[in-house]
């Protein structure tokens, strides 16, 4: 087992780090998370200019897909390796890999190179979120952890607003290469801060590394995500490529299950799924983000094609969701966490998301204006701000210290996988509705923001159906919340996982 950041303490007792050490490490971790979150939004803004310079419009989606696939597939591995080798080595590995990928992306000379280098970036960024959550859990008590974890949502909210602005400014004033080079000074500061403040662990025990399990798990995840990300878009659902990827998913997945039950130290401990808190939390997070990501990606499309807003103003119209997330996360950490009502807070958060989705679906279907839509967007962000940090804390407290790293990483992985599935599924719903109306989505949307009234109504109803599906998905998550044990944070962390 990996040792804690200070001399060994009883399970559930935080390491005795000084407040200044905790603050320095925490700020460095927030900088690392900001790098990963900012990179995605900045790159999206610069994609048209990148395609203009490098060509390869047919492969444009791979610039995003390669990054997401690599980061999502490696999340569980970082958790397991952090438990085996310690937090410091894995943070350094993740950050250096991301920075090397950033340099290579800035030097890319064609689209193929950029796609490969974006995958290298993703291999590093896959460790940012799980490792940050694991280190925070090591350093502070559960009550303090709620406030610290809530700030993660704030980082993502702020970067989602700043990213498009910074990306546009740097691309216009300098070049698109600088959207990757900007990662270097921030990453260097974060590396220095972590190296000088995050304590070295005491001597660790030797472990048998499950290389085969790592390869099987990564292969299963990547082949599954290829089906989800490319089926029905790049490749038809009945294309040979999709069939091959689906067959690989089934084959590698079955081999992985068989291997995990026989390996001495499997990369994914089967007993992790004996923990009812972990099982329920993983499903709820996956469903919540399936609905959220699947629907929220259509906000700009709805505002521009249906409401007639400009691209710049459509981005500002989603700001209330970030404001709601920031307010809820701050309120949770400073006011709600001391009450020790973690399950109740999460139930309220998911319920708020259900109401928000329902109002949005109704407002879009019936042609309501911004006075109905914007408050619902704010409520959606507030609900997410209550769920995301609390669910992570509950899982960390319910797992033994030896499983905290891999458990945290797997929770993050299921959340990311749910988001990818939601985006893919929502795109399929929209395409189906438009196809039923005899409309070619690519040809009809194009670069225009003003559509004929009849076409605008088709888009209105199609996007409303996406939010209707999101309502149903998040409602299922709310129902599952009742099966989540009411974990009390004023008791020591679990040393043996409760049975399902």
Protein backbone atom coordinates (compact mmCIF):
# COMPACT_ATOMS: atom_id res chain seq x y z
CA UNK A 1 0.00 0.00 0.00
CA UNK A 2 1.06 3.55 -0.60
CA UNK A 3 1.99 5.38 2.56
CA UNK A 4 0.35 8.68 3.49
CA UNK A 5 2.11 11.98 2.94
CA UNK A 6 3.41 12.07 6.51
CA UNK A 7 4.31 9.29 9.01
CA UNK A 8 1.69 6.53 9.11
CA UNK A 9 -1.49 7.37 10.96
CA UNK A 10 -4.64 5.36 11.69
CA UNK A 11 -6.95 5.07 8.70
CA UNK A 12 -9.23 8.07 8.47
CA UNK A 13 -6.82 10.42 10.32
CA UNK A 14 -5.41 13.09 8.00
CA UNK A 15 -1.63 13.60 7.72
CA UNK A 16 -0.23 16.33 9.91
CA UNK A 17 0.58 18.86 7.24
CA UNK A 18 0.91 22.50 8.20
CA UNK A 19 -1.67 25.03 6.98
CA UNK A 20 0.92 26.70 4.76
CA UNK A 21 1.85 23.36 3.17
CA UNK A 22 -1.78 22.52 2.54
CA UNK A 23 -2.42 25.93 1.02
CA UNK A 24 0.61 25.74 -1.27
CA UNK A 25 -0.20 22.20 -2.47
CA UNK A 26 -3.85 23.11 -2.92
CA UNK A 27 -3.07 26.15 -5.07
CA UNK A 28 -0.68 24.08 -7.19
CA UNK A 29 -3.35 21.42 -7.70
CA UNK A 30 -5.90 24.04 -8.72
CA UNK A 31 -3.40 25.36 -11.27
CA UNK A 32 -2.99 21.85 -12.68
CA UNK A 33 -6.77 21.35 -12.91
CA UNK A 34 -7.12 24.75 -14.53
CA UNK A 35 -4.58 23.72 -17.18
CA UNK A 36 -6.61 20.69 -18.20
CA UNK A 37 -9.96 22.48 -18.17
CA UNK A 38 -8.67 25.59 -19.94
CA UNK A 39 -6.99 23.56 -22.66
CA UNK A 40 -10.26 22.05 -23.84
CA UNK A 41 -12.16 25.33 -24.14
CA UNK A 42 -9.24 27.23 -25.70
CA UNK A 43 -8.66 24.58 -28.37
CA UNK A 44 -12.35 24.55 -29.32
CA UNK A 45 -12.18 28.28 -30.06
CA UNK A 46 -9.05 27.97 -32.20
CA UNK A 47 -10.13 24.95 -34.27
CA UNK A 48 -11.27 26.96 -37.35
CA UNK A 49 -7.89 28.70 -37.56
CA UNK A 50 -6.04 25.42 -37.00
CA UNK A 51 -7.91 23.77 -39.87
CA UNK A 52 -7.18 26.77 -42.06
CA UNK A 53 -3.44 26.37 -41.46
CA UNK A 54 -3.09 22.58 -41.34
CA UNK A 55 -6.01 21.41 -43.47
CA UNK A 56 -7.69 18.09 -42.70
CA UNK A 57 -11.27 19.25 -42.16
CA UNK A 58 -12.47 15.64 -42.47
CA UNK A 59 -10.44 14.72 -39.37
CA UNK A 60 -11.28 17.79 -37.31
CA UNK A 61 -13.31 15.90 -34.70
CA UNK A 62 -10.28 13.74 -33.89
CA UNK A 63 -8.48 16.76 -32.44
CA UNK A 64 -11.02 16.67 -29.61
CA UNK A 65 -11.80 12.95 -29.62
CA UNK A 66 -8.16 11.84 -29.31
CA UNK A 67 -7.67 14.02 -26.23
CA UNK A 68 -10.87 12.88 -24.52
CA UNK A 69 -10.32 9.21 -25.31
CA UNK A 70 -6.79 9.20 -23.93
CA UNK A 71 -7.65 11.14 -20.76
CA UNK A 72 -10.76 9.10 -19.96
CA UNK A 73 -9.05 5.76 -20.55
CA UNK A 74 -6.14 6.56 -18.24
CA UNK A 75 -8.13 7.91 -15.28
CA UNK A 76 -8.51 4.52 -13.53
CA UNK A 77 -4.83 3.73 -14.07
CA UNK A 78 -3.69 6.90 -12.29
CA UNK A 79 -5.74 6.03 -9.22
CA UNK A 80 -4.30 2.53 -8.98
CA UNK A 81 -0.73 3.69 -9.62
CA UNK A 82 -1.11 6.46 -7.03
CA UNK A 83 -2.06 3.83 -4.46
CA UNK A 84 0.95 1.70 -5.44
CA UNK A 85 3.71 4.26 -6.02
CA UNK A 86 2.53 7.35 -4.19
CA UNK A 87 0.96 10.64 -5.14
CA UNK A 88 4.07 12.67 -5.97
CA UNK A 89 5.48 10.45 -8.74
CA UNK A 90 2.12 10.20 -10.49
CA UNK A 91 1.47 13.96 -10.32
CA UNK A 92 4.89 14.59 -11.86
CA UNK A 93 4.25 11.95 -14.53
CA UNK A 94 0.85 13.37 -15.46
CA UNK A 95 1.96 17.00 -15.54
CA UNK A 96 5.20 16.41 -17.46
CA UNK A 97 3.39 14.22 -20.00
CA UNK A 98 0.79 16.95 -20.51
CA UNK A 99 3.45 19.66 -20.94
CA UNK A 100 5.46 17.55 -23.42
CA UNK A 101 2.24 16.99 -25.37
CA UNK A 102 1.55 20.73 -25.30
CA UNK A 103 4.95 21.54 -26.81
CA UNK A 104 4.48 18.92 -29.50
CA UNK A 105 0.99 20.24 -30.32
CA UNK A 106 2.40 23.74 -30.78
CA UNK A 107 5.04 22.34 -33.15
CA UNK A 108 2.59 20.21 -35.21
CA UNK A 109 2.98 20.62 -38.96
CA UNK A 110 -0.11 18.73 -40.13
CA UNK A 111 -3.41 17.45 -38.77
CA UNK A 112 -2.16 13.89 -38.23
CA UNK A 113 0.67 15.10 -36.02
CA UNK A 114 -1.69 17.33 -34.04
CA UNK A 115 -4.09 14.45 -33.40
CA UNK A 116 -1.29 12.20 -32.14
CA UNK A 117 0.14 14.93 -29.93
CA UNK A 118 -3.31 15.74 -28.53
CA UNK A 119 -3.56 12.09 -27.47
CA UNK A 120 -0.25 12.51 -25.61
CA UNK A 121 -1.71 15.55 -23.88
CA UNK A 122 -4.71 13.46 -22.91
CA UNK A 123 -2.52 10.76 -21.42
CA UNK A 124 -1.26 13.36 -18.98
CA UNK A 125 -4.51 15.22 -18.29
CA UNK A 126 -6.24 11.96 -17.38
CA UNK A 127 -4.46 12.11 -14.04
CA UNK A 128 -5.28 15.70 -13.11
CA UNK A 129 -8.74 15.29 -11.61
CA UNK A 130 -8.35 11.94 -9.79
CA UNK A 131 -4.92 12.81 -8.39
CA UNK A 132 -6.07 16.22 -7.18
CA UNK A 133 -9.04 14.70 -5.39
CA UNK A 134 -6.88 11.94 -3.87
CA UNK A 135 -4.23 14.36 -2.57
CA UNK A 136 -6.85 16.69 -1.07
CA UNK A 137 -8.40 13.69 0.69
CA UNK A 138 -4.97 12.77 2.09
CA UNK A 139 -4.25 16.22 3.45
CA UNK A 140 -7.41 17.42 5.18
CA UNK A 141 -10.32 16.21 7.27
CA UNK A 142 -13.69 15.35 5.66
CA UNK A 143 -15.28 18.61 6.85
CA UNK A 144 -12.45 20.69 5.36
CA UNK A 145 -12.43 18.41 2.31
CA UNK A 146 -15.92 19.56 1.36
CA UNK A 147 -14.78 23.15 1.02
CA UNK A 148 -11.63 22.19 -0.86
CA UNK A 149 -13.38 19.81 -3.26
CA UNK A 150 -16.08 22.40 -3.94
CA UNK A 151 -13.44 24.73 -5.31
CA UNK A 152 -12.74 22.21 -8.08
CA UNK A 153 -16.16 22.97 -9.55
CA UNK A 154 -15.35 26.68 -9.34
CA UNK A 155 -12.12 26.15 -11.29
CA UNK A 156 -14.01 24.39 -14.08
CA UNK A 157 -16.69 27.08 -14.10
CA UNK A 158 -14.19 29.92 -14.36
CA UNK A 159 -12.07 28.26 -17.04
CA UNK A 160 -15.13 27.45 -19.13
CA UNK A 161 -15.84 31.18 -19.31
CA UNK A 162 -12.24 32.38 -19.71
CA UNK A 163 -11.18 29.70 -22.20
CA UNK A 164 -13.05 30.92 -25.29
CA UNK A 165 -12.01 34.52 -24.60
CA UNK A 166 -8.32 33.72 -24.13
CA UNK A 167 -8.35 31.35 -27.09
CA UNK A 168 -9.79 33.99 -29.37
CA UNK A 169 -7.39 36.72 -28.20
CA UNK A 170 -4.25 34.59 -28.49
CA UNK A 171 -5.27 33.19 -31.85
CA UNK A 172 -5.96 36.67 -33.26
CA UNK A 173 -2.98 38.53 -31.74
CA UNK A 174 -0.35 35.76 -31.85
CA UNK A 175 -1.21 32.42 -33.47
CA UNK A 176 -3.00 29.21 -32.57
CA UNK A 177 0.36 27.69 -31.56
CA UNK A 178 0.34 29.84 -28.42
CA UNK A 179 -2.81 28.23 -27.05
CA UNK A 180 -0.54 25.24 -26.33
CA UNK A 181 2.61 27.13 -25.34
CA UNK A 182 0.70 29.06 -22.66
CA UNK A 183 0.55 25.81 -20.68
CA UNK A 184 4.32 25.82 -20.11
CA UNK A 185 4.79 28.69 -17.61
CA UNK A 186 1.72 27.71 -15.59
CA UNK A 187 2.78 24.06 -15.58
CA UNK A 188 6.32 24.97 -14.53
CA UNK A 189 5.03 26.94 -11.53
CA UNK A 190 2.75 24.05 -10.55
CA UNK A 191 5.63 21.56 -10.85
CA UNK A 192 7.86 23.69 -8.62
CA UNK A 193 5.14 24.18 -6.03
CA UNK A 194 4.33 20.47 -5.83
CA UNK A 195 8.02 19.48 -5.72
CA UNK A 196 8.76 21.84 -2.83
CA UNK A 197 5.60 21.46 -0.76
CA UNK A 198 4.12 17.99 -1.27
CA UNK A 199 5.94 15.74 1.18
CA UNK A 200 7.76 12.65 -0.01
CA UNK A 201 6.17 9.44 1.25
CA UNK A 202 8.05 7.11 3.50
CA UNK A 203 9.45 3.90 2.03
CA UNK A 204 6.79 1.97 0.15
CA UNK A 205 6.41 -1.76 -0.16
CA UNK A 206 7.17 -3.51 -3.42
CA UNK A 207 4.17 -4.53 -5.52
CA UNK A 208 3.46 -6.81 -8.42
CA UNK A 209 2.34 -4.56 -11.26
CA UNK A 210 -0.62 -5.83 -13.22
CA UNK A 211 0.60 -4.88 -16.69
CA UNK A 212 -1.78 -7.25 -18.46
CA UNK A 213 -4.77 -5.91 -16.51
CA UNK A 214 -3.76 -2.34 -17.37
CA UNK A 215 -3.55 -3.16 -21.07
CA UNK A 216 -6.88 -5.02 -21.04
CA UNK A 217 -8.68 -2.26 -19.15
CA UNK A 218 -7.27 0.48 -21.38
CA UNK A 219 -8.10 -1.50 -24.52
CA UNK A 220 -11.65 -2.16 -23.34
CA UNK A 221 -12.22 1.51 -22.49
CA UNK A 222 -10.71 2.86 -25.71
CA UNK A 223 -12.62 0.45 -27.96
CA UNK A 224 -15.87 1.26 -26.13
CA UNK A 225 -15.31 5.00 -26.38
CA UNK A 226 -14.53 4.67 -30.09
CA UNK A 227 -17.96 3.12 -30.57
CA UNK A 228 -19.65 5.82 -28.50
CA UNK A 229 -17.73 8.74 -30.00
CA UNK A 230 -17.69 7.73 -33.68
CA UNK A 231 -20.76 5.53 -34.16
CA UNK A 232 -23.39 7.33 -36.16
CA UNK A 233 -21.06 10.27 -36.90
CA UNK A 234 -17.70 9.40 -38.44
CA UNK A 235 -18.84 5.83 -39.10
CA UNK A 236 -22.38 4.46 -39.59
CA UNK A 237 -23.60 2.19 -36.82
CA UNK A 238 -23.45 -0.82 -39.17
CA UNK A 239 -19.98 0.01 -40.50
CA UNK A 240 -17.29 -2.69 -40.26
CA UNK A 241 -15.17 -0.41 -38.05
CA UNK A 242 -17.96 -0.12 -35.46
CA UNK A 243 -18.54 -3.87 -35.51
CA UNK A 244 -14.84 -4.54 -34.98
CA UNK A 245 -14.65 -2.04 -32.09
CA UNK A 246 -17.79 -3.50 -30.50
CA UNK A 247 -16.40 -7.02 -30.79
CA UNK A 248 -13.11 -5.88 -29.26
CA UNK A 249 -14.99 -4.27 -26.38
CA UNK A 250 -16.83 -7.50 -25.60
CA UNK A 251 -13.75 -9.70 -26.02
CA UNK A 252 -11.35 -7.53 -24.03
CA UNK A 253 -13.98 -6.82 -21.38
CA UNK A 254 -14.65 -10.53 -20.81
CA UNK A 255 -10.92 -11.24 -20.68
CA UNK A 256 -10.47 -8.39 -18.17
CA UNK A 257 -13.19 -9.76 -15.85
CA UNK A 258 -11.63 -13.22 -15.98
CA UNK A 259 -8.16 -11.79 -15.34
CA UNK A 260 -9.20 -9.60 -12.39
CA UNK A 261 -10.52 -12.63 -10.53
CA UNK A 262 -7.21 -14.48 -10.91
CA UNK A 263 -4.51 -11.78 -10.63
CA UNK A 264 -2.64 -11.47 -7.34
CA UNK A 265 -2.74 -7.65 -7.37
CA UNK A 266 -5.23 -6.63 -10.09
CA UNK A 267 -5.16 -3.12 -11.47
CA UNK A 268 -8.84 -2.81 -10.56
CA UNK A 269 -9.60 -4.61 -7.27
CA UNK A 270 -12.87 -6.56 -7.61
CA UNK A 271 -13.66 -5.91 -3.96
CA UNK A 272 -14.09 -2.24 -4.85
CA UNK A 273 -17.47 -3.17 -6.32
CA UNK A 274 -18.49 -4.82 -3.05
CA UNK A 275 -18.86 -1.31 -1.65
CA UNK A 276 -22.46 -0.17 -1.98
CA UNK A 277 -21.54 3.51 -1.60
CA UNK A 278 -19.09 3.27 -4.51
CA UNK A 279 -21.54 1.40 -6.75
CA UNK A 280 -24.42 3.79 -6.23
CA UNK A 281 -22.22 6.86 -6.44
CA UNK A 282 -20.64 5.73 -9.72
CA UNK A 283 -24.01 5.11 -11.37
CA UNK A 284 -25.49 8.40 -10.11
CA UNK A 285 -22.49 10.41 -11.29
CA UNK A 286 -22.52 8.71 -14.70
CA UNK A 287 -26.24 9.37 -15.18
CA UNK A 288 -26.05 12.95 -13.91
CA UNK A 289 -23.24 13.86 -16.28
CA UNK A 290 -24.86 11.90 -19.10
CA UNK A 291 -27.82 14.23 -18.88
CA UNK A 292 -25.80 17.36 -18.20
CA UNK A 293 -23.18 17.03 -20.93
CA UNK A 294 -25.65 15.58 -23.40
CA UNK A 295 -27.92 18.58 -23.07
CA UNK A 296 -25.61 21.49 -22.25
CA UNK A 297 -23.57 20.99 -25.42
CA UNK A 298 -26.69 22.10 -27.32
CA UNK A 299 -27.09 25.42 -25.50
CA UNK A 300 -25.01 27.40 -28.04
CA UNK A 301 -26.78 25.69 -30.95
CA UNK A 302 -30.19 26.51 -29.49
CA UNK A 303 -29.31 30.13 -28.77
CA UNK A 304 -27.78 30.74 -32.20
CA UNK A 305 -30.04 28.74 -34.53
CA UNK A 306 -33.34 29.07 -32.70
CA UNK A 307 -33.10 32.27 -30.66
CA UNK A 308 -30.99 34.16 -33.25
CA UNK A 309 -28.16 35.10 -30.86
CA UNK A 310 -24.62 35.78 -32.04
CA UNK A 311 -21.83 33.32 -31.18
CA UNK A 312 -20.37 35.74 -28.61
CA UNK A 313 -23.67 36.38 -26.86
CA UNK A 314 -24.60 32.68 -26.90
CA UNK A 315 -21.52 31.99 -24.81
CA UNK A 316 -22.53 34.65 -22.31
CA UNK A 317 -26.02 33.18 -22.03
CA UNK A 318 -24.54 30.02 -20.46
CA UNK A 319 -22.71 32.00 -17.78
CA UNK A 320 -25.62 31.62 -15.28
CA UNK A 321 -24.86 27.90 -15.10
CA UNK A 322 -21.31 28.65 -14.03
CA UNK A 323 -22.52 31.26 -11.54
CA UNK A 324 -24.93 28.75 -10.04
CA UNK A 325 -22.16 26.18 -9.78
CA UNK A 326 -19.82 28.62 -8.03
CA UNK A 327 -22.47 29.78 -5.55
CA UNK A 328 -23.59 26.24 -4.73
CA UNK A 329 -20.03 24.95 -4.32
CA UNK A 330 -19.12 27.85 -2.04
CA UNK A 331 -22.30 27.45 0.00
CA UNK A 332 -21.70 23.72 0.29
CA UNK A 333 -18.16 24.03 1.57
CA UNK A 334 -18.75 26.84 4.05
CA UNK A 335 -22.32 26.28 5.27
CA UNK A 336 -23.70 22.85 4.39
CA UNK A 337 -20.65 20.64 5.03
CA UNK A 338 -20.51 21.36 8.79
CA UNK A 339 -24.11 20.13 9.05
CA UNK A 340 -22.94 16.61 8.09
CA UNK A 341 -25.96 16.01 5.82
CA UNK A 342 -24.15 14.86 2.73
CA UNK A 343 -26.84 12.58 1.34
CA UNK A 344 -29.60 15.14 1.82
CA UNK A 345 -27.57 17.84 0.08
CA UNK A 346 -26.95 15.57 -2.90
CA UNK A 347 -30.62 14.61 -3.11
CA UNK A 348 -31.50 18.31 -3.24
CA UNK A 349 -28.83 18.88 -5.89
CA UNK A 350 -30.03 16.10 -8.20
CA UNK A 351 -33.66 17.16 -7.63
CA UNK A 352 -32.74 20.71 -8.64
CA UNK A 353 -31.17 19.35 -11.83
CA UNK A 354 -34.34 17.37 -12.62
CA UNK A 355 -36.48 20.48 -12.20
CA UNK A 356 -34.07 22.54 -14.32
CA UNK A 357 -34.06 19.99 -17.14
CA UNK A 358 -37.84 19.77 -17.06
CA UNK A 359 -38.28 23.54 -17.24
CA UNK A 360 -35.76 23.82 -20.07
CA UNK A 361 -37.46 21.08 -22.09
CA UNK A 362 -40.86 22.72 -21.57
CA UNK A 363 -39.59 26.24 -22.33
CA UNK A 364 -37.88 25.14 -25.54
CA UNK A 365 -40.81 23.04 -26.72
CA UNK A 366 -43.35 25.84 -26.14
CA UNK A 367 -41.18 28.69 -27.41
CA UNK A 368 -40.68 30.52 -24.10
CA UNK A 369 -38.12 33.28 -23.82
CA UNK A 370 -34.98 33.96 -21.83
CA UNK A 371 -36.91 34.82 -18.64
CA UNK A 372 -37.73 31.12 -18.32
CA UNK A 373 -34.55 29.64 -19.77
CA UNK A 374 -31.87 31.59 -17.90
CA UNK A 375 -33.13 30.86 -14.33
CA UNK A 376 -33.37 27.17 -15.25
CA UNK A 377 -29.76 27.23 -16.50
CA UNK A 378 -28.70 28.80 -13.19
CA UNK A 379 -30.59 26.11 -11.25
CA UNK A 380 -28.90 23.40 -13.31
CA UNK A 381 -25.47 24.72 -12.36
CA UNK A 382 -26.44 25.03 -8.72
CA UNK A 383 -27.60 21.43 -8.62
CA UNK A 384 -24.33 20.22 -10.11
CA UNK A 385 -22.37 22.30 -7.62
CA UNK A 386 -24.03 20.42 -4.77
CA UNK A 387 -23.59 16.92 -6.21
CA UNK A 388 -20.06 16.72 -7.63
CA UNK A 389 -17.88 17.57 -4.58
CA UNK A 390 -20.11 15.81 -2.04
CA UNK A 391 -20.24 12.54 -3.97
CA UNK A 392 -16.46 12.42 -4.15
CA UNK A 393 -16.13 13.02 -0.41
CA UNK A 394 -18.68 10.33 0.46
CA UNK A 395 -16.89 7.72 -1.69
CA UNK A 396 -13.49 8.60 -0.26
CA UNK A 397 -14.80 8.30 3.29
CA UNK A 398 -16.51 4.97 2.62
CA UNK A 399 -13.42 3.33 1.13
CA UNK A 400 -10.39 2.07 3.06
CA UNK A 401 -7.20 4.05 2.60
CA UNK A 402 -5.69 1.35 0.37
CA UNK A 403 -8.60 1.73 -2.08
CA UNK A 404 -9.11 5.50 -1.88
CA UNK A 405 -6.91 6.34 -4.85
CA UNK A 406 -8.31 3.83 -7.33
CA UNK A 407 -11.86 4.43 -6.05
CA UNK A 408 -11.60 8.18 -6.58
CA UNK A 409 -10.16 7.71 -10.06
CA UNK A 410 -12.86 5.24 -11.03
CA UNK A 411 -15.59 7.61 -9.85
CA UNK A 412 -14.08 10.33 -12.05
CA UNK A 413 -13.87 7.86 -14.92
CA UNK A 414 -17.56 6.90 -14.69
CA UNK A 415 -18.50 10.57 -14.62
CA UNK A 416 -16.44 11.25 -17.75
CA UNK A 417 -17.77 8.15 -19.48
CA UNK A 418 -21.32 9.23 -18.70
CA UNK A 419 -20.63 12.63 -20.22
CA UNK A 420 -19.25 11.10 -23.41
CA UNK A 421 -22.22 8.77 -23.69
CA UNK A 422 -24.58 11.67 -23.14
CA UNK A 423 -23.04 13.79 -25.86
CA UNK A 424 -23.12 10.90 -28.33
CA UNK A 425 -26.67 9.91 -27.47
CA UNK A 426 -27.95 13.47 -27.64
CA UNK A 427 -26.33 13.96 -31.01
CA UNK A 428 -28.08 10.81 -32.23
CA UNK A 429 -31.45 12.09 -30.95
CA UNK A 430 -30.99 15.42 -32.70
CA UNK A 431 -29.87 13.79 -35.95
CA UNK A 432 -32.83 11.40 -35.86
CA UNK A 433 -35.35 14.22 -35.36
CA UNK A 434 -33.82 16.29 -38.13
CA UNK A 435 -33.61 13.30 -40.48
CA UNK A 436 -37.28 12.52 -39.81
CA UNK A 437 -38.06 16.07 -40.94
CA UNK A 438 -35.96 15.59 -44.08
CA UNK A 439 -33.21 17.99 -42.99
CA UNK A 440 -29.46 17.64 -43.40
CA UNK A 441 -28.05 19.03 -40.14
CA UNK A 442 -24.66 19.99 -41.55
CA UNK A 443 -26.12 21.72 -44.58
CA UNK A 444 -28.89 23.49 -42.72
CA UNK A 445 -26.79 24.82 -39.85
CA UNK A 446 -23.52 25.63 -41.53
CA UNK A 447 -22.19 28.94 -40.29
CA UNK A 448 -25.53 30.74 -40.24
CA UNK A 449 -27.22 31.98 -37.13
CA UNK A 450 -30.54 32.91 -38.72
CA UNK A 451 -32.81 30.19 -40.08
CA UNK A 452 -36.11 30.26 -41.90
CA UNK A 453 -39.03 30.19 -39.40
CA UNK A 454 -40.11 26.65 -40.34
CA UNK A 455 -36.58 25.29 -40.05
CA UNK A 456 -36.09 27.12 -36.77
CA UNK A 457 -39.14 25.37 -35.34
CA UNK A 458 -37.77 21.97 -36.36
CA UNK A 459 -34.56 22.70 -34.47
CA UNK A 460 -36.54 23.99 -31.50
CA UNK A 461 -38.51 20.78 -31.10
CA UNK A 462 -35.48 18.57 -31.82
CA UNK A 463 -33.35 20.23 -29.14
CA UNK A 464 -36.29 20.22 -26.73
CA UNK A 465 -36.45 16.44 -27.12
CA UNK A 466 -32.78 16.25 -26.13
CA UNK A 467 -33.54 18.08 -22.89
CA UNK A 468 -36.56 15.86 -22.36
CA UNK A 469 -34.27 12.83 -22.54
CA UNK A 470 -31.92 14.56 -20.09
CA UNK A 471 -34.82 15.03 -17.68
CA UNK A 472 -35.59 11.31 -17.73
CA UNK A 473 -31.93 10.33 -17.26
CA UNK A 474 -31.36 12.62 -14.27
CA UNK A 475 -34.69 11.51 -12.77
CA UNK A 476 -33.37 7.94 -12.75
CA UNK A 477 -30.26 9.23 -10.95
CA UNK A 478 -32.49 10.89 -8.34
CA UNK A 479 -34.36 7.65 -7.72
CA UNK A 480 -31.08 5.77 -7.30
CA UNK A 481 -29.94 8.32 -4.72
CA UNK A 482 -32.32 6.75 -2.20
CA UNK A 483 -30.13 3.61 -2.23
CA UNK A 484 -27.05 5.59 -1.20
CA UNK A 485 -26.15 4.95 2.47
CA UNK A 486 -26.18 8.07 4.63
CA UNK A 487 -22.45 8.26 5.35
CA UNK A 488 -21.55 10.20 8.50
CA UNK A 489 -18.33 12.16 8.25
CA UNK A 490 -17.83 12.43 12.00
CA UNK A 491 -16.97 8.71 12.14
CA UNK A 492 -13.64 7.14 11.07
CA UNK A 493 -13.22 6.12 7.44
CA UNK A 494 -14.19 2.58 6.54
CA UNK A 495 -11.53 -0.07 6.91
CA UNK A 496 -13.56 -2.81 5.24
CA UNK A 497 -15.96 -2.10 2.41
CA UNK A 498 -19.64 -2.65 3.20
CA UNK A 499 -21.27 -5.37 1.17
CA UNK A 500 -23.77 -4.50 -1.51
